[in-house]
């Protein structure tokens, strides 16, 4: 697994994050689940740093951001206290945005498309979705009541709810029942909408174009 992570870090990161999408709902409530939630977050942070290392991004920046986030998650796992959640979320959001930018630079660095670069398309999307979910967590901590939902509208929204909101916003499906009701929260959602459209328009379309150029007979067609 370690060799695979070094050879194709984007593929392993994408697989781990997709596994997290399925596992997070079972980790949010119980005390043991919360500890596992933090432990799993540390694993994801390690994979994010490895993905940055394989990209044109500066590894030391990934380590500098990943270290305090890891320490905060360890404290949360040991104590079971969520008081540090906004702080760890803020650091993780910056790290995930930086890693997404590094992977975009990795995908656009040349005209050759490797298998790991194709996995990086999905990994970058999930990184941005995770990053905005962390941003929403920080927003809720600073401005309580920024988000509501059809079920128990008055309570704070959970991490899984924010992740679902982020995925539906970034993909422009708009299926989430979580709704921003404060102006700043709505501004964050608008920025994520723009990020989703820009990612598809600039990055994915370019990679698809390169794949078409590489297919047999493409030169003859032109």
C-alpha atoms as a PDB file:
ATOM      1  CA  UNK A   1       0.000   0.000   0.000  1.00  0.00           C
ATOM      2  CA  UNK A   2       2.862   2.382   0.827  1.00  0.00           C
ATOM      3  CA  UNK A   3       4.511   1.650  -2.525  1.00  0.00           C
ATOM      4  CA  UNK A   4       1.227   2.292  -4.304  1.00  0.00           C
ATOM      5  CA  UNK A   5       0.780   5.556  -2.392  1.00  0.00           C
ATOM      6  CA  UNK A   6       4.219   6.674  -3.524  1.00  0.00           C
ATOM      7  CA  UNK A   7       3.681   5.597  -7.126  1.00  0.00           C
ATOM      8  CA  UNK A   8       0.104   6.812  -7.538  1.00  0.00           C
ATOM      9  CA  UNK A   9      -0.676   9.104  -4.591  1.00  0.00           C
ATOM     10  CA  UNK A  10      -3.699  10.690  -6.274  1.00  0.00           C
ATOM     11  CA  UNK A  11      -5.356   7.305  -6.768  1.00  0.00           C
ATOM     12  CA  UNK A  12      -4.858   6.304  -3.127  1.00  0.00           C
ATOM     13  CA  UNK A  13      -6.022   9.720  -1.890  1.00  0.00           C
ATOM     14  CA  UNK A  14      -9.180   9.535  -4.013  1.00  0.00           C
ATOM     15  CA  UNK A  15      -9.941   5.996  -2.805  1.00  0.00           C
ATOM     16  CA  UNK A  16      -9.434   7.014   0.844  1.00  0.00           C
ATOM     17  CA  UNK A  17     -11.688  10.047   0.526  1.00  0.00           C
ATOM     18  CA  UNK A  18     -14.433   8.054  -1.177  1.00  0.00           C
ATOM     19  CA  UNK A  19     -14.146   5.496   1.629  1.00  0.00           C
ATOM     20  CA  UNK A  20     -14.512   8.387   4.064  1.00  0.00           C
ATOM     21  CA  UNK A  21     -17.755   9.437   2.408  1.00  0.00           C
ATOM     22  CA  UNK A  22     -19.162   6.002   3.259  1.00  0.00           C
ATOM     23  CA  UNK A  23     -17.607   5.722   6.739  1.00  0.00           C
ATOM     24  CA  UNK A  24     -18.142   9.219   8.161  1.00  0.00           C
ATOM     25  CA  UNK A  25     -21.890   8.746   8.874  1.00  0.00           C
ATOM     26  CA  UNK A  26     -21.015   5.887  11.254  1.00  0.00           C
ATOM     27  CA  UNK A  27     -18.369   7.890  13.125  1.00  0.00           C
ATOM     28  CA  UNK A  28     -20.208  11.063  14.092  1.00  0.00           C
ATOM     29  CA  UNK A  29     -22.236  10.085  17.142  1.00  0.00           C
ATOM     30  CA  UNK A  30     -20.567   7.606  19.496  1.00  0.00           C
ATOM     31  CA  UNK A  31     -17.464   8.492  21.512  1.00  0.00           C
ATOM     32  CA  UNK A  32     -15.392   5.740  19.906  1.00  0.00           C
ATOM     33  CA  UNK A  33     -16.686   6.829  16.520  1.00  0.00           C
ATOM     34  CA  UNK A  34     -15.539  10.383  17.145  1.00  0.00           C
ATOM     35  CA  UNK A  35     -12.045   9.125  17.982  1.00  0.00           C
ATOM     36  CA  UNK A  36     -11.996   7.045  14.803  1.00  0.00           C
ATOM     37  CA  UNK A  37     -13.232  10.093  12.919  1.00  0.00           C
ATOM     38  CA  UNK A  38     -10.203  12.081  14.071  1.00  0.00           C
ATOM     39  CA  UNK A  39      -7.829   9.162  13.441  1.00  0.00           C
ATOM     40  CA  UNK A  40      -9.152   8.739   9.919  1.00  0.00           C
ATOM     41  CA  UNK A  41      -8.674  12.465   9.386  1.00  0.00           C
ATOM     42  CA  UNK A  42      -4.992  12.074  10.294  1.00  0.00           C
ATOM     43  CA  UNK A  43      -4.625   9.321   7.678  1.00  0.00           C
ATOM     44  CA  UNK A  44      -6.201  11.567   5.049  1.00  0.00           C
ATOM     45  CA  UNK A  45      -3.841  14.398   6.017  1.00  0.00           C
ATOM     46  CA  UNK A  46      -0.869  12.112   5.456  1.00  0.00           C
ATOM     47  CA  UNK A  47      -2.140  11.139   2.018  1.00  0.00           C
ATOM     48  CA  UNK A  48      -2.734  14.794   1.155  1.00  0.00           C
ATOM     49  CA  UNK A  49       0.879  15.643   2.028  1.00  0.00           C
ATOM     50  CA  UNK A  50       2.084  12.726  -0.114  1.00  0.00           C
ATOM     51  CA  UNK A  51      -0.012  13.990  -3.014  1.00  0.00           C
ATOM     52  CA  UNK A  52       1.555  17.448  -2.643  1.00  0.00           C
ATOM     53  CA  UNK A  53       5.003  15.849  -2.590  1.00  0.00           C
ATOM     54  CA  UNK A  54       4.435  14.262  -6.019  1.00  0.00           C
ATOM     55  CA  UNK A  55       3.213  17.562  -7.490  1.00  0.00           C
ATOM     56  CA  UNK A  56       4.963  20.854  -8.304  1.00  0.00           C
ATOM     57  CA  UNK A  57       3.745  22.125  -4.916  1.00  0.00           C
ATOM     58  CA  UNK A  58       6.228  22.736  -2.102  1.00  0.00           C
ATOM     59  CA  UNK A  59       6.299  19.761   0.249  1.00  0.00           C
ATOM     60  CA  UNK A  60       7.415  21.843   3.232  1.00  0.00           C
ATOM     61  CA  UNK A  61       4.247  23.928   2.988  1.00  0.00           C
ATOM     62  CA  UNK A  62       2.140  20.749   3.081  1.00  0.00           C
ATOM     63  CA  UNK A  63       4.066  19.519   6.123  1.00  0.00           C
ATOM     64  CA  UNK A  64       3.864  22.924   7.827  1.00  0.00           C
ATOM     65  CA  UNK A  65       0.072  22.910   7.428  1.00  0.00           C
ATOM     66  CA  UNK A  66      -0.411  19.211   8.090  1.00  0.00           C
ATOM     67  CA  UNK A  67       1.548  19.111  11.362  1.00  0.00           C
ATOM     68  CA  UNK A  68      -0.648  21.466  13.454  1.00  0.00           C
ATOM     69  CA  UNK A  69      -3.787  19.937  11.959  1.00  0.00           C
ATOM     70  CA  UNK A  70      -2.559  16.466  12.949  1.00  0.00           C
ATOM     71  CA  UNK A  71      -1.772  17.620  16.496  1.00  0.00           C
ATOM     72  CA  UNK A  72      -5.212  19.144  16.892  1.00  0.00           C
ATOM     73  CA  UNK A  73      -6.890  15.990  15.566  1.00  0.00           C
ATOM     74  CA  UNK A  74      -4.845  13.859  17.971  1.00  0.00           C
ATOM     75  CA  UNK A  75      -5.985  15.999  20.878  1.00  0.00           C
ATOM     76  CA  UNK A  76      -9.599  15.652  19.724  1.00  0.00           C
ATOM     77  CA  UNK A  77      -9.209  11.871  19.382  1.00  0.00           C
ATOM     78  CA  UNK A  78      -7.751  11.534  22.893  1.00  0.00           C
ATOM     79  CA  UNK A  79     -10.031  13.951  24.730  1.00  0.00           C
ATOM     80  CA  UNK A  80     -13.202  13.507  22.662  1.00  0.00           C
ATOM     81  CA  UNK A  81     -13.678  17.274  22.917  1.00  0.00           C
ATOM     82  CA  UNK A  82     -14.849  19.134  19.815  1.00  0.00           C
ATOM     83  CA  UNK A  83     -13.823  22.562  21.128  1.00  0.00           C
ATOM     84  CA  UNK A  84     -10.774  22.515  18.853  1.00  0.00           C
ATOM     85  CA  UNK A  85     -12.778  21.510  15.778  1.00  0.00           C
ATOM     86  CA  UNK A  86     -13.007  25.030  14.270  1.00  0.00           C
ATOM     87  CA  UNK A  87      -9.238  25.498  14.608  1.00  0.00           C
ATOM     88  CA  UNK A  88      -8.318  22.152  13.074  1.00  0.00           C
ATOM     89  CA  UNK A  89     -10.910  22.721  10.342  1.00  0.00           C
ATOM     90  CA  UNK A  90      -9.387  26.110   9.488  1.00  0.00           C
ATOM     91  CA  UNK A  91      -5.893  24.633   9.094  1.00  0.00           C
ATOM     92  CA  UNK A  92      -7.195  21.645   7.140  1.00  0.00           C
ATOM     93  CA  UNK A  93      -9.145  23.913   4.789  1.00  0.00           C
ATOM     94  CA  UNK A  94      -5.963  25.827   3.910  1.00  0.00           C
ATOM     95  CA  UNK A  95      -4.029  22.567   3.422  1.00  0.00           C
ATOM     96  CA  UNK A  96      -6.733  21.067   1.201  1.00  0.00           C
ATOM     97  CA  UNK A  97      -6.953  24.189  -0.949  1.00  0.00           C
ATOM     98  CA  UNK A  98      -3.170  24.220  -1.311  1.00  0.00           C
ATOM     99  CA  UNK A  99      -3.111  20.514  -2.192  1.00  0.00           C
ATOM    100  CA  UNK A 100      -5.855  21.035  -4.786  1.00  0.00           C
ATOM    101  CA  UNK A 101      -3.864  23.878  -6.366  1.00  0.00           C
ATOM    102  CA  UNK A 102      -0.738  21.686  -6.375  1.00  0.00           C
ATOM    103  CA  UNK A 103      -2.606  18.833  -8.093  1.00  0.00           C
ATOM    104  CA  UNK A 104      -4.012  21.211 -10.704  1.00  0.00           C
ATOM    105  CA  UNK A 105      -0.450  22.381 -11.422  1.00  0.00           C
ATOM    106  CA  UNK A 106       0.576  18.701 -11.590  1.00  0.00           C
ATOM    107  CA  UNK A 107      -2.125  17.918 -14.156  1.00  0.00           C
ATOM    108  CA  UNK A 108      -1.356  20.976 -16.292  1.00  0.00           C
ATOM    109  CA  UNK A 109       2.442  20.797 -16.098  1.00  0.00           C
ATOM    110  CA  UNK A 110       2.868  19.050 -19.469  1.00  0.00           C
ATOM    111  CA  UNK A 111       0.973  17.533 -22.377  1.00  0.00           C
ATOM    112  CA  UNK A 112       1.421  13.939 -21.219  1.00  0.00           C
ATOM    113  CA  UNK A 113      -1.390  12.312 -19.253  1.00  0.00           C
ATOM    114  CA  UNK A 114      -0.474   9.549 -16.824  1.00  0.00           C
ATOM    115  CA  UNK A 115      -2.874   7.232 -15.038  1.00  0.00           C
ATOM    116  CA  UNK A 116      -2.216   9.039 -11.766  1.00  0.00           C
ATOM    117  CA  UNK A 117      -3.122  12.351 -13.396  1.00  0.00           C
ATOM    118  CA  UNK A 118      -6.499  10.908 -14.376  1.00  0.00           C
ATOM    119  CA  UNK A 119      -7.061   9.913 -10.743  1.00  0.00           C
ATOM    120  CA  UNK A 120      -5.919  13.419  -9.789  1.00  0.00           C
ATOM    121  CA  UNK A 121      -8.993  14.791 -11.598  1.00  0.00           C
ATOM    122  CA  UNK A 122     -11.241  13.121  -9.041  1.00  0.00           C
ATOM    123  CA  UNK A 123      -8.856  13.674  -6.113  1.00  0.00           C
ATOM    124  CA  UNK A 124      -8.729  17.407  -6.794  1.00  0.00           C
ATOM    125  CA  UNK A 125     -12.512  17.614  -6.896  1.00  0.00           C
ATOM    126  CA  UNK A 126     -12.828  15.820  -3.547  1.00  0.00           C
ATOM    127  CA  UNK A 127     -10.072  17.974  -2.037  1.00  0.00           C
ATOM    128  CA  UNK A 128     -11.948  21.145  -2.934  1.00  0.00           C
ATOM    129  CA  UNK A 129     -15.220  19.656  -1.640  1.00  0.00           C
ATOM    130  CA  UNK A 130     -13.527  18.721   1.657  1.00  0.00           C
ATOM    131  CA  UNK A 131     -11.915  22.157   1.912  1.00  0.00           C
ATOM    132  CA  UNK A 132     -15.217  24.009   1.553  1.00  0.00           C
ATOM    133  CA  UNK A 133     -16.859  21.664   4.063  1.00  0.00           C
ATOM    134  CA  UNK A 134     -14.171  22.671   6.557  1.00  0.00           C
ATOM    135  CA  UNK A 135     -14.757  26.326   5.657  1.00  0.00           C
ATOM    136  CA  UNK A 136     -18.474  25.868   6.416  1.00  0.00           C
ATOM    137  CA  UNK A 137     -17.547  24.313   9.768  1.00  0.00           C
ATOM    138  CA  UNK A 138     -15.478  27.386  10.647  1.00  0.00           C
ATOM    139  CA  UNK A 139     -18.235  29.701   9.423  1.00  0.00           C
ATOM    140  CA  UNK A 140     -20.775  27.990  11.664  1.00  0.00           C
ATOM    141  CA  UNK A 141     -18.437  28.330  14.667  1.00  0.00           C
ATOM    142  CA  UNK A 142     -17.913  32.050  14.042  1.00  0.00           C
ATOM    143  CA  UNK A 143     -21.497  32.827  13.000  1.00  0.00           C
ATOM    144  CA  UNK A 144     -23.872  30.387  14.739  1.00  0.00           C
ATOM    145  CA  UNK A 145     -27.097  29.846  12.838  1.00  0.00           C
ATOM    146  CA  UNK A 146     -25.467  30.408   9.429  1.00  0.00           C
ATOM    147  CA  UNK A 147     -27.022  27.191   8.104  1.00  0.00           C
ATOM    148  CA  UNK A 148     -30.387  25.526   8.482  1.00  0.00           C
ATOM    149  CA  UNK A 149     -32.002  22.370   7.149  1.00  0.00           C
ATOM    150  CA  UNK A 150     -35.372  20.695   6.736  1.00  0.00           C
ATOM    151  CA  UNK A 151     -34.665  18.371   9.702  1.00  0.00           C
ATOM    152  CA  UNK A 152     -34.048  20.042  13.090  1.00  0.00           C
ATOM    153  CA  UNK A 153     -33.466  23.472  11.531  1.00  0.00           C
ATOM    154  CA  UNK A 154     -32.287  25.153  14.766  1.00  0.00           C
ATOM    155  CA  UNK A 155     -29.366  22.849  15.626  1.00  0.00           C
ATOM    156  CA  UNK A 156     -25.793  23.061  14.325  1.00  0.00           C
ATOM    157  CA  UNK A 157     -25.141  21.168  11.130  1.00  0.00           C
ATOM    158  CA  UNK A 158     -22.838  18.125  11.252  1.00  0.00           C
ATOM    159  CA  UNK A 159     -19.685  17.443   9.248  1.00  0.00           C
ATOM    160  CA  UNK A 160     -21.495  14.972   6.974  1.00  0.00           C
ATOM    161  CA  UNK A 161     -24.190  17.552   6.266  1.00  0.00           C
ATOM    162  CA  UNK A 162     -21.550  20.121   5.340  1.00  0.00           C
ATOM    163  CA  UNK A 163     -19.736  17.610   3.140  1.00  0.00           C
ATOM    164  CA  UNK A 164     -23.001  16.769   1.379  1.00  0.00           C
ATOM    165  CA  UNK A 165     -23.731  20.472   0.918  1.00  0.00           C
ATOM    166  CA  UNK A 166     -20.233  20.990  -0.488  1.00  0.00           C
ATOM    167  CA  UNK A 167     -20.471  18.118  -2.965  1.00  0.00           C
ATOM    168  CA  UNK A 168     -23.894  19.166  -4.230  1.00  0.00           C
ATOM    169  CA  UNK A 169     -22.777  22.784  -4.595  1.00  0.00           C
ATOM    170  CA  UNK A 170     -19.445  22.032  -6.271  1.00  0.00           C
ATOM    171  CA  UNK A 171     -21.072  19.617  -8.715  1.00  0.00           C
ATOM    172  CA  UNK A 172     -23.933  22.090  -9.404  1.00  0.00           C
ATOM    173  CA  UNK A 173     -26.580  19.456  -8.638  1.00  0.00           C
ATOM    174  CA  UNK A 174     -28.138  21.499  -5.828  1.00  0.00           C
ATOM    175  CA  UNK A 175     -29.706  18.525  -4.062  1.00  0.00           C
ATOM    176  CA  UNK A 176     -28.751  19.414  -0.486  1.00  0.00           C
ATOM    177  CA  UNK A 177     -31.412  20.097   2.125  1.00  0.00           C
ATOM    178  CA  UNK A 178     -28.880  22.229   4.050  1.00  0.00           C
ATOM    179  CA  UNK A 179     -29.364  25.910   3.272  1.00  0.00           C
ATOM    180  CA  UNK A 180     -27.180  28.953   4.078  1.00  0.00           C
ATOM    181  CA  UNK A 181     -29.309  31.675   5.646  1.00  0.00           C
ATOM    182  CA  UNK A 182     -26.731  34.293   6.686  1.00  0.00           C
ATOM    183  CA  UNK A 183     -25.189  36.588   4.054  1.00  0.00           C
ATOM    184  CA  UNK A 184     -21.576  35.473   4.572  1.00  0.00           C
ATOM    185  CA  UNK A 185     -22.522  31.790   4.394  1.00  0.00           C
ATOM    186  CA  UNK A 186     -24.318  32.461   1.128  1.00  0.00           C
ATOM    187  CA  UNK A 187     -21.217  34.232  -0.177  1.00  0.00           C
ATOM    188  CA  UNK A 188     -19.132  31.137   0.569  1.00  0.00           C
ATOM    189  CA  UNK A 189     -21.602  28.991  -1.360  1.00  0.00           C
ATOM    190  CA  UNK A 190     -21.445  31.337  -4.345  1.00  0.00           C
ATOM    191  CA  UNK A 191     -17.651  31.131  -4.382  1.00  0.00           C
ATOM    192  CA  UNK A 192     -17.844  27.333  -4.337  1.00  0.00           C
ATOM    193  CA  UNK A 193     -20.301  27.368  -7.244  1.00  0.00           C
ATOM    194  CA  UNK A 194     -17.843  29.459  -9.247  1.00  0.00           C
ATOM    195  CA  UNK A 195     -14.984  27.122  -8.289  1.00  0.00           C
ATOM    196  CA  UNK A 196     -16.937  24.102  -9.505  1.00  0.00           C
ATOM    197  CA  UNK A 197     -17.734  25.678 -12.866  1.00  0.00           C
ATOM    198  CA  UNK A 198     -14.160  26.924 -13.336  1.00  0.00           C
ATOM    199  CA  UNK A 199     -12.718  23.493 -12.509  1.00  0.00           C
ATOM    200  CA  UNK A 200     -14.814  21.738 -15.134  1.00  0.00           C
ATOM    201  CA  UNK A 201     -14.330  24.478 -17.730  1.00  0.00           C
ATOM    202  CA  UNK A 202     -10.570  24.899 -17.402  1.00  0.00           C
ATOM    203  CA  UNK A 203      -9.058  21.696 -16.015  1.00  0.00           C
ATOM    204  CA  UNK A 204     -11.311  18.804 -16.975  1.00  0.00           C
ATOM    205  CA  UNK A 205     -11.972  20.129 -20.482  1.00  0.00           C
ATOM    206  CA  UNK A 206      -8.231  20.516 -21.113  1.00  0.00           C
ATOM    207  CA  UNK A 207      -7.465  16.968 -20.009  1.00  0.00           C
ATOM    208  CA  UNK A 208     -10.299  15.610 -22.150  1.00  0.00           C
ATOM    209  CA  UNK A 209      -8.876  17.541 -25.110  1.00  0.00           C
ATOM    210  CA  UNK A 210      -5.435  16.041 -24.526  1.00  0.00           C
ATOM    211  CA  UNK A 211      -6.921  12.549 -24.345  1.00  0.00           C
ATOM    212  CA  UNK A 212      -8.701  13.092 -27.668  1.00  0.00           C
ATOM    213  CA  UNK A 213      -5.450  14.292 -29.248  1.00  0.00           C
ATOM    214  CA  UNK A 214      -3.697  11.125 -28.037  1.00  0.00           C
ATOM    215  CA  UNK A 215      -6.202   8.629 -29.425  1.00  0.00           C
ATOM    216  CA  UNK A 216      -5.158   6.638 -32.529  1.00  0.00           C
ATOM    217  CA  UNK A 217      -6.108   8.355 -35.763  1.00  0.00           C
ATOM    218  CA  UNK A 218      -6.470  11.803 -34.198  1.00  0.00           C
ATOM    219  CA  UNK A 219      -3.785  13.257 -36.471  1.00  0.00           C
ATOM    220  CA  UNK A 220      -5.402  11.705 -39.504  1.00  0.00           C
ATOM    221  CA  UNK A 221      -8.785  13.192 -38.560  1.00  0.00           C
ATOM    222  CA  UNK A 222      -7.233  16.640 -38.554  1.00  0.00           C
END
